[in-house]
Amino acid sequence: MRNTIGGWETNSIFTAAHGSSLTVFANGTYNNGNVSGLIGTGYIGNNRPLTVTGTSCNSGQKGSQILNPNFFSLIGYTLGTVPGNVESRGSCFGAPTTDWDAQLAKNWQVKERYRIKFAMDFFDLLNHPNFNSSGLEGTGYAPSTLTCGAADCGASNPNRVVTAQSGVTGFGSVSSLQTGRGNRELQYSLKFTF
């Protein structure tokens, strides 16, 4: 009876980690080079977009969509200035990691010297995808076209306030999984001790 009902054991490891903080930049040139950067310093690699909502950068996170594209905008940006509602550094977070590994095992004692253990190991038991967000570090929020008033923004347009933007696609999503964290795996083992 002890060998039939007893001798069961379970083990598990649960890991939950928040993604590392990151900053989104509005990199590059716009309107075929007519607007080089936003602040007007000539340096185009460290400008940041505006934050336009009261939610977080990661609100609405689902699956491979890590960053909320509706959190950012260039509309309302006065070119050549540093607006007060520019995105703060480190306001976004990369993809979180959630993993649950578990083991279910049955032990039998045969006579006094021999032991048998059958174990089932489950890696990523809930089959939860853990995305690699390293590609989001310093990610660029870069609309292809900016409009200032009735015309494209640029040196020939005296209006410096961005009133419309277009061409933002695929922003804030990732496509690869973390290394070593694939889909669910099951492993069976039989151990005989004498």
Protein backbone atom coordinates (compact mmCIF):
# COMPACT_ATOMS: atom_id res chain seq x y z
CA MET A 1 0.00 0.00 0.00
CA ARG A 2 2.86 2.38 0.81
CA ASN A 3 4.47 1.67 -2.57
CA THR A 4 1.20 2.26 -4.41
CA ILE A 5 -0.14 5.38 -2.70
CA GLY A 6 3.02 6.88 -1.22
CA GLY A 7 6.31 7.96 -2.71
CA TRP A 8 5.01 10.82 -4.86
CA GLU A 9 6.88 14.09 -5.06
CA THR A 10 6.53 17.36 -6.94
CA ASN A 11 9.05 20.10 -7.57
CA SER A 12 8.75 23.36 -9.42
CA ILE A 13 10.64 26.51 -10.31
CA PHE A 14 8.67 29.64 -11.21
CA THR A 15 10.41 32.64 -12.74
CA ALA A 16 8.80 36.03 -13.31
CA ALA A 17 10.89 39.03 -14.28
CA HIS A 18 10.03 42.46 -15.62
CA GLY A 19 11.76 43.59 -18.80
CA SER A 20 14.65 46.05 -18.50
CA SER A 21 13.91 49.75 -18.89
CA LEU A 22 14.53 51.33 -22.27
CA THR A 23 14.20 54.68 -24.02
CA VAL A 24 12.52 55.26 -27.36
CA PHE A 25 14.16 57.68 -29.78
CA ALA A 26 12.80 59.53 -32.79
CA ASN A 27 15.79 58.81 -34.98
CA GLY A 28 16.63 59.86 -38.51
CA THR A 29 15.47 62.37 -41.03
CA TYR A 30 11.95 63.09 -42.24
CA ASN A 31 10.35 64.16 -45.51
CA ASN A 32 13.29 62.99 -47.65
CA GLY A 33 15.83 64.89 -45.55
CA ASN A 34 13.96 68.21 -45.40
CA VAL A 35 13.75 67.79 -41.61
CA SER A 36 17.00 66.57 -40.04
CA GLY A 37 16.07 65.63 -36.50
CA LEU A 38 13.54 67.37 -34.31
CA ILE A 39 15.42 69.54 -31.83
CA GLY A 40 17.41 71.38 -34.49
CA THR A 41 20.89 70.66 -33.21
CA GLY A 42 21.82 68.72 -36.34
CA TYR A 43 22.28 65.62 -34.21
CA ILE A 44 19.50 63.22 -35.18
CA GLY A 45 20.26 60.21 -32.98
CA ASN A 46 19.04 61.25 -29.56
CA ASN A 47 15.72 63.05 -30.09
CA ARG A 48 12.71 61.65 -28.28
CA PRO A 49 9.01 61.67 -29.23
CA LEU A 50 6.22 63.19 -27.19
CA THR A 51 4.15 61.24 -24.70
CA VAL A 52 0.52 61.87 -25.49
CA THR A 53 -1.49 59.66 -23.15
CA GLY A 54 -1.74 59.18 -19.40
CA THR A 55 -1.20 55.42 -19.75
CA SER A 56 2.12 53.63 -19.61
CA CYS A 57 4.36 52.86 -22.56
CA ASN A 58 3.59 49.15 -22.08
CA SER A 59 -0.18 49.45 -21.69
CA GLY A 60 -2.03 47.00 -23.91
CA GLN A 61 1.00 44.71 -24.11
CA LYS A 62 -0.04 41.46 -25.74
CA GLY A 63 2.03 38.75 -27.37
CA SER A 64 4.82 40.16 -29.47
CA GLN A 65 3.51 43.76 -29.23
CA ILE A 66 5.60 45.06 -26.32
CA LEU A 67 5.39 48.86 -26.69
CA ASN A 68 2.19 50.86 -27.11
CA PRO A 69 2.52 52.86 -30.36
CA ASN A 70 -0.35 55.13 -29.28
CA PHE A 71 1.72 56.32 -26.31
CA PHE A 72 3.99 58.31 -28.65
CA SER A 73 3.47 61.06 -31.20
CA LEU A 74 5.30 63.81 -33.01
CA ILE A 75 2.08 65.79 -33.47
CA GLY A 76 2.41 69.00 -31.47
CA TYR A 77 6.21 68.95 -31.65
CA THR A 78 7.58 72.45 -32.30
CA LEU A 79 10.60 71.73 -34.47
CA GLY A 80 13.84 73.18 -33.14
CA THR A 81 12.75 73.02 -29.48
CA VAL A 82 12.69 70.56 -26.60
CA PRO A 83 9.00 70.27 -25.62
CA GLY A 84 7.98 69.83 -22.00
CA ASN A 85 6.11 66.59 -22.64
CA VAL A 86 8.97 64.79 -24.37
CA GLU A 87 9.25 61.12 -23.39
CA SER A 88 11.40 60.64 -20.29
CA ARG A 89 14.40 58.32 -20.37
CA GLY A 90 13.74 54.75 -19.29
CA SER A 91 9.95 55.14 -19.38
CA CYS A 92 9.39 51.87 -21.29
CA PHE A 93 10.14 48.27 -20.38
CA GLY A 94 11.20 45.36 -22.55
CA ALA A 95 9.44 42.03 -22.77
CA PRO A 96 8.83 40.27 -19.44
CA THR A 97 9.97 36.72 -18.70
CA THR A 98 7.52 34.20 -17.26
CA ASP A 99 8.51 30.56 -16.93
CA TRP A 100 7.24 27.62 -14.90
CA ASP A 101 9.20 24.36 -14.79
CA ALA A 102 7.76 21.43 -12.85
CA GLN A 103 8.44 17.80 -12.03
CA LEU A 104 6.14 14.98 -10.97
CA ALA A 105 7.86 11.86 -9.69
CA LYS A 106 6.94 8.48 -8.21
CA ASN A 107 9.35 6.54 -5.96
CA TRP A 108 9.27 2.82 -5.21
CA GLN A 109 11.33 0.92 -2.67
CA VAL A 110 12.07 -2.68 -3.62
CA LYS A 111 13.27 -4.72 -0.66
CA GLU A 112 15.71 -2.65 1.42
CA ARG A 113 18.49 -1.93 -1.07
CA TYR A 114 16.77 -1.02 -4.31
CA ARG A 115 14.94 2.12 -5.31
CA ILE A 116 13.18 3.07 -8.53
CA LYS A 117 12.21 6.61 -9.45
CA PHE A 118 10.09 7.55 -12.47
CA ALA A 119 9.96 11.29 -13.16
CA MET A 120 8.19 13.53 -15.65
CA ASP A 121 9.83 16.94 -16.13
CA PHE A 122 7.91 19.81 -17.74
CA PHE A 123 9.90 22.78 -19.03
CA ASP A 124 7.74 25.86 -19.66
CA LEU A 125 4.69 24.00 -18.42
CA LEU A 126 2.19 26.68 -19.53
CA ASN A 127 3.87 27.05 -22.95
CA HIS A 128 4.19 30.81 -22.44
CA PRO A 129 6.28 32.57 -25.14
CA ASN A 130 9.14 34.68 -23.78
CA PHE A 131 10.12 37.23 -26.39
CA ASN A 132 13.59 38.66 -26.91
CA SER A 133 13.30 42.44 -26.70
CA SER A 134 16.96 43.28 -27.30
CA GLY A 135 15.91 44.76 -30.66
CA LEU A 136 13.81 47.34 -28.82
CA GLU A 137 16.80 48.92 -27.04
CA GLY A 138 17.07 52.41 -28.49
CA THR A 139 14.22 51.63 -30.85
CA GLY A 140 13.29 54.33 -33.30
CA TYR A 141 9.87 55.93 -33.49
CA ALA A 142 10.17 57.33 -36.98
CA PRO A 143 7.20 58.39 -39.07
CA SER A 144 8.19 58.80 -42.71
CA THR A 145 6.19 62.00 -43.27
CA LEU A 146 5.59 65.02 -41.02
CA THR A 147 3.12 67.76 -41.89
CA CYS A 148 3.28 71.29 -40.48
CA GLY A 149 -0.02 73.03 -41.17
CA ALA A 150 -1.08 72.54 -44.78
CA ALA A 151 2.31 71.40 -46.15
CA ASP A 152 5.19 69.06 -45.38
CA CYS A 153 7.54 70.25 -42.63
CA GLY A 154 10.82 71.62 -43.93
CA ALA A 155 12.99 74.70 -44.44
CA SER A 156 10.51 76.25 -46.90
CA ASN A 157 7.58 75.94 -44.47
CA PRO A 158 7.48 78.74 -41.86
CA ASN A 159 5.13 76.69 -39.64
CA ARG A 160 7.30 74.66 -37.26
CA VAL A 161 4.53 72.84 -35.35
CA VAL A 162 3.91 69.25 -36.50
CA THR A 163 0.18 68.83 -37.15
CA ALA A 164 0.12 65.35 -38.75
CA GLN A 165 2.33 62.29 -39.17
CA SER A 166 2.18 59.10 -41.21
CA GLY A 167 4.21 56.00 -41.90
CA VAL A 168 4.59 54.45 -38.43
CA THR A 169 4.20 50.69 -38.87
CA GLY A 170 5.45 47.73 -36.87
CA PHE A 171 6.66 49.93 -34.02
CA GLY A 172 7.19 48.24 -30.63
CA SER A 173 6.81 44.62 -31.71
CA VAL A 174 9.38 41.83 -31.57
CA SER A 175 9.69 38.63 -33.58
CA SER A 176 12.13 36.29 -31.85
CA LEU A 177 12.04 34.29 -28.63
CA GLN A 178 14.66 34.42 -25.88
CA THR A 179 17.59 32.07 -26.43
CA GLY A 180 17.07 28.77 -24.62
CA ARG A 181 13.40 29.49 -23.93
CA GLY A 182 11.51 27.78 -26.71
CA ASN A 183 8.19 25.96 -26.56
CA ARG A 184 7.10 23.53 -23.86
CA GLU A 185 9.25 20.42 -23.51
CA LEU A 186 8.56 17.19 -21.64
CA GLN A 187 11.19 14.80 -20.40
CA TYR A 188 10.75 11.37 -18.86
CA SER A 189 13.34 9.56 -16.78
CA LEU A 190 13.66 6.27 -14.95
CA LYS A 191 16.29 5.93 -12.24
CA PHE A 192 17.33 2.70 -10.59
CA THR A 193 19.42 2.94 -7.39
CA PHE A 194 21.10 -0.14 -5.91
